[in-house]
Amino acid sequence: ESLEYREVDDGIATFTQKGGKTTKSYATSSAWGVYGLWRW
């Protein structure tokens, strides 16, 4: 359920987990980030 993808905005993709905690992934512009719980 935690696996998701999102477009990177200004070099940062922000993902929100179930409990409301946010995680940021850094990448180049016009990229897409894939996120999952750290347990992966």
PDB file of all heavy atoms in Angstrom:
ATOM      1  N   GLU A   1       0.824  -1.215   0.000  1.00  0.00           N
ATOM      2  CA  GLU A   1       0.000   0.000   0.000  1.00  0.00           C
ATOM      3  C   GLU A   1       0.854   1.261   0.000  1.00  0.00           C
ATOM      4  O   GLU A   1       0.433   2.292  -0.525  1.00  0.00           O
ATOM      5  CB  GLU A   1      -0.914   0.024   1.220  1.00  0.00           C
ATOM      6  CG  GLU A   1      -2.050  -0.955   1.165  1.00  0.00           C
ATOM      7  CD  GLU A   1      -2.889  -0.924   2.442  1.00  0.00           C
ATOM      8  OE1 GLU A   1      -2.802   0.074   3.193  1.00  0.00           O
ATOM      9  OE2 GLU A   1      -3.617  -1.888   2.669  1.00  0.00           O
ATOM     10  N   SER A   2       2.038   1.190   0.597  1.00  0.00           N
ATOM     11  CA  SER A   2       2.880   2.385   0.706  1.00  0.00           C
ATOM     12  C   SER A   2       3.600   2.719  -0.600  1.00  0.00           C
ATOM     13  O   SER A   2       4.089   3.832  -0.761  1.00  0.00           O
ATOM     14  CB  SER A   2       3.918   2.214   1.813  1.00  0.00           C
ATOM     15  OG  SER A   2       4.957   1.347   1.394  1.00  0.00           O
ATOM     16  N   LEU A   3       3.692   1.773  -1.519  1.00  0.00           N
ATOM     17  CA  LEU A   3       4.373   2.041  -2.786  1.00  0.00           C
ATOM     18  C   LEU A   3       3.575   3.038  -3.610  1.00  0.00           C
ATOM     19  O   LEU A   3       2.393   2.823  -3.879  1.00  0.00           O
ATOM     20  CB  LEU A   3       4.568   0.747  -3.576  1.00  0.00           C
ATOM     21  CG  LEU A   3       5.567  -0.246  -3.007  1.00  0.00           C
ATOM     22  CD1 LEU A   3       5.490  -1.555  -3.767  1.00  0.00           C
ATOM     23  CD2 LEU A   3       6.964   0.317  -3.033  1.00  0.00           C
ATOM     24  N   GLU A   4       4.224   4.117  -3.982  1.00  0.00           N
ATOM     25  CA  GLU A   4       3.564   5.133  -4.797  1.00  0.00           C
ATOM     26  C   GLU A   4       4.601   5.887  -5.615  1.00  0.00           C
ATOM     27  O   GLU A   4       5.799   5.797  -5.359  1.00  0.00           O
ATOM     28  CB  GLU A   4       2.748   6.093  -3.937  1.00  0.00           C
ATOM     29  CG  GLU A   4       3.556   6.860  -2.935  1.00  0.00           C
ATOM     30  CD  GLU A   4       2.717   7.824  -2.115  1.00  0.00           C
ATOM     31  OE1 GLU A   4       2.093   8.718  -2.714  1.00  0.00           O
ATOM     32  OE2 GLU A   4       2.687   7.677  -0.890  1.00  0.00           O
ATOM     33  N   TYR A   5       4.138   6.617  -6.597  1.00  0.00           N
ATOM     34  CA  TYR A   5       5.021   7.420  -7.437  1.00  0.00           C
ATOM     35  C   TYR A   5       4.454   8.820  -7.516  1.00  0.00           C
ATOM     36  O   TYR A   5       3.256   9.034  -7.399  1.00  0.00           O
ATOM     37  CB  TYR A   5       5.161   6.810  -8.838  1.00  0.00           C
ATOM     38  CG  TYR A   5       3.869   6.781  -9.624  1.00  0.00           C
ATOM     39  CD1 TYR A   5       3.588   7.765 -10.556  1.00  0.00           C
ATOM     40  CD2 TYR A   5       2.929   5.785  -9.429  1.00  0.00           C
ATOM     41  CE1 TYR A   5       2.414   7.751 -11.276  1.00  0.00           C
ATOM     42  CE2 TYR A   5       1.752   5.758 -10.136  1.00  0.00           C
ATOM     43  CZ  TYR A   5       1.498   6.744 -11.062  1.00  0.00           C
ATOM     44  OH  TYR A   5       0.319   6.732 -11.765  1.00  0.00           O
ATOM     45  N   ARG A   6       5.361   9.774  -7.664  1.00  0.00           N
ATOM     46  CA  ARG A   6       4.937  11.168  -7.716  1.00  0.00           C
ATOM     47  C   ARG A   6       5.960  11.974  -8.506  1.00  0.00           C
ATOM     48  O   ARG A   6       7.141  11.674  -8.488  1.00  0.00           O
ATOM     49  CB  ARG A   6       4.824  11.715  -6.293  1.00  0.00           C
ATOM     50  CG  ARG A   6       4.295  13.123  -6.271  1.00  0.00           C
ATOM     51  CD  ARG A   6       3.673  13.519  -4.984  1.00  0.00           C
ATOM     52  NE  ARG A   6       2.611  12.588  -4.620  1.00  0.00           N
ATOM     53  CZ  ARG A   6       2.410  12.161  -3.381  1.00  0.00           C
ATOM     54  NH1 ARG A   6       3.176  12.567  -2.407  1.00  0.00           N
ATOM     55  NH2 ARG A   6       1.429  11.348  -3.105  1.00  0.00           N
ATOM     56  N   GLU A   7       5.470  13.010  -9.155  1.00  0.00           N
ATOM     57  CA  GLU A   7       6.355  13.882  -9.919  1.00  0.00           C
ATOM     58  C   GLU A   7       7.187  14.742  -8.969  1.00  0.00           C
ATOM     59  O   GLU A   7       6.704  15.213  -7.950  1.00  0.00           O
ATOM     60  CB  GLU A   7       5.536  14.791 -10.840  1.00  0.00           C
ATOM     61  CG  GLU A   7       6.376  15.613 -11.771  1.00  0.00           C
ATOM     62  CD  GLU A   7       5.548  16.383 -12.778  1.00  0.00           C
ATOM     63  OE1 GLU A   7       4.327  16.487 -12.620  1.00  0.00           O
ATOM     64  OE2 GLU A   7       6.149  16.897 -13.735  1.00  0.00           O
ATOM     65  N   VAL A   8       8.450  14.917  -9.323  1.00  0.00           N
ATOM     66  CA  VAL A   8       9.352  15.740  -8.526  1.00  0.00           C
ATOM     67  C   VAL A   8       9.071  17.199  -8.847  1.00  0.00           C
ATOM     68  O   VAL A   8       9.024  17.582 -10.009  1.00  0.00           O
ATOM     69  CB  VAL A   8      10.818  15.380  -8.831  1.00  0.00           C
ATOM     70  CG1 VAL A   8      11.762  16.323  -8.131  1.00  0.00           C
ATOM     71  CG2 VAL A   8      11.089  13.948  -8.448  1.00  0.00           C
ATOM     72  N   ASP A   9       8.870  18.010  -7.818  1.00  0.00           N
ATOM     73  CA  ASP A   9       8.575  19.428  -7.995  1.00  0.00           C
ATOM     74  C   ASP A   9       9.731  20.235  -7.409  1.00  0.00           C
ATOM     75  O   ASP A   9      10.001  20.142  -6.212  1.00  0.00           O
ATOM     76  CB  ASP A   9       7.260  19.777  -7.288  1.00  0.00           C
ATOM     77  CG  ASP A   9       6.820  21.194  -7.561  1.00  0.00           C
ATOM     78  OD1 ASP A   9       7.137  21.726  -8.629  1.00  0.00           O
ATOM     79  OD2 ASP A   9       6.131  21.768  -6.682  1.00  0.00           O
ATOM     80  N   ASP A  10      10.404  20.999  -8.234  1.00  0.00           N
ATOM     81  CA  ASP A  10      11.565  21.796  -7.825  1.00  0.00           C
ATOM     82  C   ASP A  10      12.633  20.945  -7.153  1.00  0.00           C
ATOM     83  O   ASP A  10      13.232  21.342  -6.157  1.00  0.00           O
ATOM     84  CB  ASP A  10      11.137  22.932  -6.884  1.00  0.00           C
ATOM     85  CG  ASP A  10      10.311  23.977  -7.592  1.00  0.00           C
ATOM     86  OD1 ASP A  10      10.505  24.149  -8.813  1.00  0.00           O
ATOM     87  OD2 ASP A  10       9.479  24.619  -6.932  1.00  0.00           O
ATOM     88  N   GLY A  11      12.834  19.723  -7.663  1.00  0.00           N
ATOM     89  CA  GLY A  11      13.881  18.864  -7.137  1.00  0.00           C
ATOM     90  C   GLY A  11      13.488  18.059  -5.917  1.00  0.00           C
ATOM     91  O   GLY A  11      14.290  17.329  -5.366  1.00  0.00           O
ATOM     92  N   ILE A  12      12.225  18.169  -5.461  1.00  0.00           N
ATOM     93  CA  ILE A  12      11.795  17.463  -4.256  1.00  0.00           C
ATOM     94  C   ILE A  12      10.450  16.786  -4.514  1.00  0.00           C
ATOM     95  O   ILE A  12       9.505  17.407  -4.971  1.00  0.00           O
ATOM     96  CB  ILE A  12      11.636  18.426  -3.059  1.00  0.00           C
ATOM     97  CG1 ILE A  12      12.954  19.134  -2.771  1.00  0.00           C
ATOM     98  CG2 ILE A  12      11.142  17.683  -1.829  1.00  0.00           C
ATOM     99  CD1 ILE A  12      12.854  20.238  -1.756  1.00  0.00           C
ATOM    100  N   ALA A  13      10.381  15.477  -4.218  1.00  0.00           N
ATOM    101  CA  ALA A  13       9.109  14.752  -4.265  1.00  0.00           C
ATOM    102  C   ALA A  13       8.713  14.480  -2.818  1.00  0.00           C
ATOM    103  O   ALA A  13       9.485  13.912  -2.050  1.00  0.00           O
ATOM    104  CB  ALA A  13       9.254  13.440  -5.022  1.00  0.00           C
ATOM    105  N   THR A  14       7.524  14.892  -2.420  1.00  0.00           N
ATOM    106  CA  THR A  14       7.065  14.733  -1.049  1.00  0.00           C
ATOM    107  C   THR A  14       6.007  13.641  -0.992  1.00  0.00           C
ATOM    108  O   THR A  14       5.017  13.688  -1.714  1.00  0.00           O
ATOM    109  CB  THR A  14       6.482  16.055  -0.518  1.00  0.00           C
ATOM    110  OG1 THR A  14       7.456  17.085  -0.686  1.00  0.00           O
ATOM    111  CG2 THR A  14       6.115  15.944   0.943  1.00  0.00           C
ATOM    112  N   PHE A  15       6.230  12.655  -0.118  1.00  0.00           N
ATOM    113  CA  PHE A  15       5.303  11.543   0.058  1.00  0.00           C
ATOM    114  C   PHE A  15       4.771  11.578   1.483  1.00  0.00           C
ATOM    115  O   PHE A  15       5.515  11.788   2.429  1.00  0.00           O
ATOM    116  CB  PHE A  15       6.008  10.202  -0.188  1.00  0.00           C
ATOM    117  CG  PHE A  15       6.549  10.063  -1.576  1.00  0.00           C
ATOM    118  CD1 PHE A  15       7.861  10.387  -1.875  1.00  0.00           C
ATOM    119  CD2 PHE A  15       5.737   9.615  -2.605  1.00  0.00           C
ATOM    120  CE1 PHE A  15       8.366  10.265  -3.155  1.00  0.00           C
ATOM    121  CE2 PHE A  15       6.227   9.483  -3.889  1.00  0.00           C
ATOM    122  CZ  PHE A  15       7.540   9.812  -4.163  1.00  0.00           C
ATOM    123  N   THR A  16       3.468  11.358   1.641  1.00  0.00           N
ATOM    124  CA  THR A  16       2.842  11.351   2.952  1.00  0.00           C
ATOM    125  C   THR A  16       2.446   9.927   3.310  1.00  0.00           C
ATOM    126  O   THR A  16       1.749   9.263   2.549  1.00  0.00           O
ATOM    127  CB  THR A  16       1.598  12.258   2.973  1.00  0.00           C
ATOM    128  OG1 THR A  16       1.986  13.560   2.525  1.00  0.00           O
ATOM    129  CG2 THR A  16       1.021  12.351   4.370  1.00  0.00           C
ATOM    130  N   GLN A  17       2.880   9.473   4.483  1.00  0.00           N
ATOM    131  CA  GLN A  17       2.574   8.124   4.937  1.00  0.00           C
ATOM    132  C   GLN A  17       1.222   8.111   5.637  1.00  0.00           C
ATOM    133  O   GLN A  17       0.603   9.150   5.844  1.00  0.00           O
ATOM    134  CB  GLN A  17       3.664   7.626   5.876  1.00  0.00           C
ATOM    135  CG  GLN A  17       5.022   7.556   5.211  1.00  0.00           C
ATOM    136  CD  GLN A  17       6.119   7.209   6.206  1.00  0.00           C
ATOM    137  OE1 GLN A  17       5.857   6.900   7.351  1.00  0.00           O
ATOM    138  NE2 GLN A  17       7.351   7.266   5.747  1.00  0.00           N
ATOM    139  N   LYS A  18       0.782   6.907   6.053  1.00  0.00           N
ATOM    140  CA  LYS A  18      -0.526   6.766   6.700  1.00  0.00           C
ATOM    141  C   LYS A  18      -0.694   7.657   7.922  1.00  0.00           C
ATOM    142  O   LYS A  18      -1.692   8.304   8.088  1.00  0.00           O
ATOM    143  CB  LYS A  18      -0.736   5.312   7.132  1.00  0.00           C
ATOM    144  CG  LYS A  18      -1.287   4.425   6.080  1.00  0.00           C
ATOM    145  CD  LYS A  18      -1.588   3.076   6.700  1.00  0.00           C
ATOM    146  CE  LYS A  18      -2.038   2.105   5.655  1.00  0.00           C
ATOM    147  NZ  LYS A  18      -2.274   0.782   6.229  1.00  0.00           N
ATOM    148  N   GLY A  19       0.306   7.688   8.795  1.00  0.00           N
ATOM    149  CA  GLY A  19       0.205   8.457  10.032  1.00  0.00           C
ATOM    150  C   GLY A  19       0.349   9.949   9.851  1.00  0.00           C
ATOM    151  O   GLY A  19       0.317  10.701  10.811  1.00  0.00           O
ATOM    152  N   GLY A  20       0.517  10.407   8.637  1.00  0.00           N
ATOM    153  CA  GLY A  20       0.657  11.828   8.369  1.00  0.00           C
ATOM    154  C   GLY A  20       2.101  12.290   8.270  1.00  0.00           C
ATOM    155  O   GLY A  20       2.367  13.443   7.981  1.00  0.00           O
ATOM    156  N   LYS A  21       3.049  11.388   8.507  1.00  0.00           N
ATOM    157  CA  LYS A  21       4.464  11.733   8.409  1.00  0.00           C
ATOM    158  C   LYS A  21       4.828  11.915   6.939  1.00  0.00           C
ATOM    159  O   LYS A  21       4.421  11.135   6.090  1.00  0.00           O
ATOM    160  CB  LYS A  21       5.315  10.623   9.022  1.00  0.00           C
ATOM    161  CG  LYS A  21       6.791  10.920   8.985  1.00  0.00           C
ATOM    162  CD  LYS A  21       7.607   9.764   9.534  1.00  0.00           C
ATOM    163  CE  LYS A  21       9.076  10.066   9.326  1.00  0.00           C
ATOM    164  NZ  LYS A  21       9.897   8.891   9.524  1.00  0.00           N
ATOM    165  N   THR A  22       5.599  12.963   6.643  1.00  0.00           N
ATOM    166  CA  THR A  22       5.997  13.217   5.265  1.00  0.00           C
ATOM    167  C   THR A  22       7.473  12.860   5.071  1.00  0.00           C
ATOM    168  O   THR A  22       8.284  13.021   5.975  1.00  0.00           O
ATOM    169  CB  THR A  22       5.788  14.690   4.871  1.00  0.00           C
ATOM    170  OG1 THR A  22       6.558  15.507   5.731  1.00  0.00           O
ATOM    171  CG2 THR A  22       4.322  15.070   4.937  1.00  0.00           C
ATOM    172  N   THR A  23       7.776  12.359   3.904  1.00  0.00           N
ATOM    173  CA  THR A  23       9.134  12.016   3.518  1.00  0.00           C
ATOM    174  C   THR A  23       9.439  12.731   2.219  1.00  0.00           C
ATOM    175  O   THR A  23       8.595  12.776   1.328  1.00  0.00           O
ATOM    176  CB  THR A  23       9.268  10.487   3.318  1.00  0.00           C
ATOM    177  OG1 THR A  23       8.853   9.842   4.511  1.00  0.00           O
ATOM    178  CG2 THR A  23      10.679  10.103   2.994  1.00  0.00           C
ATOM    179  N   LYS A  24      10.648  13.256   2.108  1.00  0.00           N
ATOM    180  CA  LYS A  24      11.036  13.971   0.897  1.00  0.00           C
ATOM    181  C   LYS A  24      12.132  13.202   0.183  1.00  0.00           C
ATOM    182  O   LYS A  24      13.067  12.721   0.802  1.00  0.00           O
ATOM    183  CB  LYS A  24      11.515  15.378   1.227  1.00  0.00           C
ATOM    184  CG  LYS A  24      10.416  16.253   1.786  1.00  0.00           C
ATOM    185  CD  LYS A  24      10.890  17.641   2.057  1.00  0.00           C
ATOM    186  CE  LYS A  24       9.730  18.461   2.605  1.00  0.00           C
ATOM    187  NZ  LYS A  24      10.063  19.846   2.798  1.00  0.00           N
ATOM    188  N   SER A  25      11.974  13.075  -1.146  1.00  0.00           N
ATOM    189  CA  SER A  25      13.001  12.480  -1.993  1.00  0.00           C
ATOM    190  C   SER A  25      13.516  13.569  -2.916  1.00  0.00           C
ATOM    191  O   SER A  25      12.738  14.344  -3.465  1.00  0.00           O
ATOM    192  CB  SER A  25      12.419  11.335  -2.819  1.00  0.00           C
ATOM    193  OG  SER A  25      12.000  10.294  -1.988  1.00  0.00           O
ATOM    194  N   TYR A  26      14.812  13.606  -3.097  1.00  0.00           N
ATOM    195  CA  TYR A  26      15.428  14.638  -3.925  1.00  0.00           C
ATOM    196  C   TYR A  26      15.858  14.031  -5.256  1.00  0.00           C
ATOM    197  O   TYR A  26      16.414  12.949  -5.303  1.00  0.00           O
ATOM    198  CB  TYR A  26      16.632  15.249  -3.207  1.00  0.00           C
ATOM    199  CG  TYR A  26      16.248  15.889  -1.908  1.00  0.00           C
ATOM    200  CD1 TYR A  26      16.302  15.181  -0.715  1.00  0.00           C
ATOM    201  CD2 TYR A  26      15.774  17.193  -1.883  1.00  0.00           C
ATOM    202  CE1 TYR A  26      15.917  15.767   0.473  1.00  0.00           C
ATOM    203  CE2 TYR A  26      15.383  17.789  -0.699  1.00  0.00           C
ATOM    204  CZ  TYR A  26      15.460  17.067   0.484  1.00  0.00           C
ATOM    205  OH  TYR A  26      15.066  17.654   1.657  1.00  0.00           O
ATOM    206  N   ALA A  27      15.565  14.731  -6.343  1.00  0.00           N
ATOM    207  CA  ALA A  27      15.925  14.261  -7.681  1.00  0.00           C
ATOM    208  C   ALA A  27      15.991  15.465  -8.612  1.00  0.00           C
ATOM    209  O   ALA A  27      15.704  16.593  -8.219  1.00  0.00           O
ATOM    210  CB  ALA A  27      14.896  13.258  -8.192  1.00  0.00           C
ATOM    211  N   THR A  28      16.349  15.206  -9.843  1.00  0.00           N
ATOM    212  CA  THR A  28      16.401  16.283 -10.823  1.00  0.00           C
ATOM    213  C   THR A  28      14.979  16.673 -11.221  1.00  0.00           C
ATOM    214  O   THR A  28      14.039  15.919 -10.999  1.00  0.00           O
ATOM    215  CB  THR A  28      17.166  15.839 -12.078  1.00  0.00           C
ATOM    216  OG1 THR A  28      16.504  14.697 -12.631  1.00  0.00           O
ATOM    217  CG2 THR A  28      18.596  15.499 -11.744  1.00  0.00           C
ATOM    218  N   SER A  29      14.833  17.825 -11.831  1.00  0.00           N
ATOM    219  CA  SER A  29      13.513  18.251 -12.284  1.00  0.00           C
ATOM    220  C   SER A  29      13.054  17.364 -13.431  1.00  0.00           C
ATOM    221  O   SER A  29      13.848  16.695 -14.080  1.00  0.00           O
ATOM    222  CB  SER A  29      13.542  19.710 -12.719  1.00  0.00           C
ATOM    223  OG  SER A  29      14.441  19.847 -13.787  1.00  0.00           O
ATOM    224  N   SER A  30      11.800  17.368 -13.699  1.00  0.00           N
ATOM    225  CA  SER A  30      11.124  16.557 -14.711  1.00  0.00           C
ATOM    226  C   SER A  30      11.415  15.072 -14.518  1.00  0.00           C
ATOM    227  O   SER A  30      11.540  14.323 -15.456  1.00  0.00           O
ATOM    228  CB  SER A  30      11.478  16.998 -16.136  1.00  0.00           C
ATOM    229  OG  SER A  30      12.789  16.587 -16.477  1.00  0.00           O
ATOM    230  N   ALA A  31      11.532  14.662 -13.253  1.00  0.00           N
ATOM    231  CA  ALA A  31      11.710  13.257 -12.924  1.00  0.00           C
ATOM    232  C   ALA A  31      10.522  12.806 -12.074  1.00  0.00           C
ATOM    233  O   ALA A  31       9.732  13.620 -11.611  1.00  0.00           O
ATOM    234  CB  ALA A  31      13.018  13.053 -12.157  1.00  0.00           C
ATOM    235  N   TRP A  32      10.419  11.526 -11.886  1.00  0.00           N
ATOM    236  CA  TRP A  32       9.379  10.956 -11.054  1.00  0.00           C
ATOM    237  C   TRP A  32      10.043  10.136  -9.969  1.00  0.00           C
ATOM    238  O   TRP A  32      10.987   9.413 -10.219  1.00  0.00           O
ATOM    239  CB  TRP A  32       8.443  10.093 -11.897  1.00  0.00           C
ATOM    240  CG  TRP A  32       7.548  10.925 -12.746  1.00  0.00           C
ATOM    241  CD1 TRP A  32       7.882  11.612 -13.877  1.00  0.00           C
ATOM    242  CD2 TRP A  32       6.188  11.213 -12.505  1.00  0.00           C
ATOM    243  NE1 TRP A  32       6.809  12.299 -14.355  1.00  0.00           N
ATOM    244  CE2 TRP A  32       5.749  12.066 -13.539  1.00  0.00           C
ATOM    245  CE3 TRP A  32       5.288  10.835 -11.530  1.00  0.00           C
ATOM    246  CZ2 TRP A  32       4.444  12.548 -13.605  1.00  0.00           C
ATOM    247  CZ3 TRP A  32       3.996  11.306 -11.609  1.00  0.00           C
ATOM    248  CH2 TRP A  32       3.579  12.157 -12.630  1.00  0.00           C
ATOM    249  N   GLY A  33       9.542  10.249  -8.748  1.00  0.00           N
ATOM    250  CA  GLY A  33      10.084   9.505  -7.623  1.00  0.00           C
ATOM    251  C   GLY A  33       9.166   8.355  -7.260  1.00  0.00           C
ATOM    252  O   GLY A  33       7.948   8.452  -7.360  1.00  0.00           O
ATOM    253  N   VAL A  34       9.758   7.243  -6.830  1.00  0.00           N
ATOM    254  CA  VAL A  34       9.011   6.082  -6.357  1.00  0.00           C
ATOM    255  C   VAL A  34       9.363   5.915  -4.892  1.00  0.00           C
ATOM    256  O   VAL A  34      10.537   5.978  -4.515  1.00  0.00           O
ATOM    257  CB  VAL A  34       9.381   4.811  -7.154  1.00  0.00           C
ATOM    258  CG1 VAL A  34       8.681   3.593  -6.585  1.00  0.00           C
ATOM    259  CG2 VAL A  34       9.026   4.986  -8.618  1.00  0.00           C
ATOM    260  N   TYR A  35       8.349   5.709  -4.065  1.00  0.00           N
ATOM    261  CA  TYR A  35       8.560   5.640  -2.627  1.00  0.00           C
ATOM    262  C   TYR A  35       7.846   4.425  -2.048  1.00  0.00           C
ATOM    263  O   TYR A  35       6.788   4.024  -2.509  1.00  0.00           O
ATOM    264  CB  TYR A  35       8.025   6.916  -1.954  1.00  0.00           C
ATOM    265  CG  TYR A  35       8.077   6.848  -0.458  1.00  0.00           C
ATOM    266  CD1 TYR A  35       9.260   7.083   0.217  1.00  0.00           C
ATOM    267  CD2 TYR A  35       6.956   6.510   0.283  1.00  0.00           C
ATOM    268  CE1 TYR A  35       9.323   6.999   1.591  1.00  0.00           C
ATOM    269  CE2 TYR A  35       7.007   6.419   1.661  1.00  0.00           C
ATOM    270  CZ  TYR A  35       8.194   6.663   2.306  1.00  0.00           C
ATOM    271  OH  TYR A  35       8.249   6.569   3.661  1.00  0.00           O
ATOM    272  N   GLY A  36       8.458   3.846  -1.018  1.00  0.00           N
ATOM    273  CA  GLY A  36       7.843   2.776  -0.243  1.00  0.00           C
ATOM    274  C   GLY A  36       8.373   2.860   1.176  1.00  0.00           C
ATOM    275  O   GLY A  36       9.360   3.544   1.444  1.00  0.00           O
ATOM    276  N   LEU A  37       7.743   2.166   2.096  1.00  0.00           N
ATOM    277  CA  LEU A  37       8.218   2.152   3.475  1.00  0.00           C
ATOM    278  C   LEU A  37       9.674   1.701   3.519  1.00  0.00           C
ATOM    279  O   LEU A  37      10.120   0.902   2.693  1.00  0.00           O
ATOM    280  CB  LEU A  37       7.366   1.194   4.319  1.00  0.00           C
ATOM    281  CG  LEU A  37       5.935   1.639   4.610  1.00  0.00           C
ATOM    282  CD1 LEU A  37       5.181   0.539   5.340  1.00  0.00           C
ATOM    283  CD2 LEU A  37       5.928   2.903   5.439  1.00  0.00           C
ATOM    284  N   TRP A  38      10.417   2.179   4.498  1.00  0.00           N
ATOM    285  CA  TRP A  38      11.841   1.882   4.584  1.00  0.00           C
ATOM    286  C   TRP A  38      12.106   0.387   4.716  1.00  0.00           C
ATOM    287  O   TRP A  38      13.187  -0.085   4.396  1.00  0.00           O
ATOM    288  CB  TRP A  38      12.465   2.633   5.759  1.00  0.00           C
ATOM    289  CG  TRP A  38      11.912   2.217   7.089  1.00  0.00           C
ATOM    290  CD1 TRP A  38      10.819   2.737   7.713  1.00  0.00           C
ATOM    291  CD2 TRP A  38      12.399   1.182   7.928  1.00  0.00           C
ATOM    292  NE1 TRP A  38      10.590   2.091   8.888  1.00  0.00           N
ATOM    293  CE2 TRP A  38      11.553   1.112   9.047  1.00  0.00           C
ATOM    294  CE3 TRP A  38      13.458   0.278   7.850  1.00  0.00           C
ATOM    295  CZ2 TRP A  38      11.732   0.211  10.084  1.00  0.00           C
ATOM    296  CZ3 TRP A  38      13.643  -0.621   8.872  1.00  0.00           C
ATOM    297  CH2 TRP A  38      12.789  -0.659   9.982  1.00  0.00           C
ATOM    298  N   ARG A  39      11.131  -0.389   5.145  1.00  0.00           N
ATOM    299  CA  ARG A  39      11.314  -1.834   5.335  1.00  0.00           C
ATOM    300  C   ARG A  39      11.531  -2.590   4.031  1.00  0.00           C
ATOM    301  O   ARG A  39      11.907  -3.747   4.054  1.00  0.00           O
ATOM    302  CB  ARG A  39      10.089  -2.434   6.033  1.00  0.00           C
ATOM    303  CG  ARG A  39       9.926  -1.978   7.443  1.00  0.00           C
ATOM    304  CD  ARG A  39       8.756  -2.654   8.127  1.00  0.00           C
ATOM    305  NE  ARG A  39       7.495  -2.278   7.516  1.00  0.00           N
ATOM    306  CZ  ARG A  39       6.616  -3.144   7.027  1.00  0.00           C
ATOM    307  NH1 ARG A  39       6.832  -4.416   7.073  1.00  0.00           N
ATOM    308  NH2 ARG A  39       5.495  -2.719   6.496  1.00  0.00           N
ATOM    309  N   TRP A  40      11.301  -1.946   2.891  1.00  0.00           N
ATOM    310  CA  TRP A  40      11.462  -2.661   1.626  1.00  0.00           C
ATOM    311  C   TRP A  40      12.850  -3.261   1.516  1.00  0.00           C
ATOM    312  O   TRP A  40      13.017  -4.356   0.986  1.00  0.00           O
ATOM    313  CB  TRP A  40      11.175  -1.748   0.435  1.00  0.00           C
ATOM    314  CG  TRP A  40      12.287  -0.787   0.115  1.00  0.00           C
ATOM    315  CD1 TRP A  40      12.414   0.490   0.554  1.00  0.00           C
ATOM    316  CD2 TRP A  40      13.431  -1.044  -0.697  1.00  0.00           C
ATOM    317  NE1 TRP A  40      13.561   1.051   0.058  1.00  0.00           N
ATOM    318  CE2 TRP A  40      14.219   0.125  -0.711  1.00  0.00           C
ATOM    319  CE3 TRP A  40      13.878  -2.139  -1.416  1.00  0.00           C
ATOM    320  CZ2 TRP A  40      15.402   0.228  -1.401  1.00  0.00           C
ATOM    321  CZ3 TRP A  40      15.074  -2.038  -2.110  1.00  0.00           C
ATOM    322  CH2 TRP A  40      15.821  -0.866  -2.095  1.00  0.00           C
TER     323      TRP A  40
END
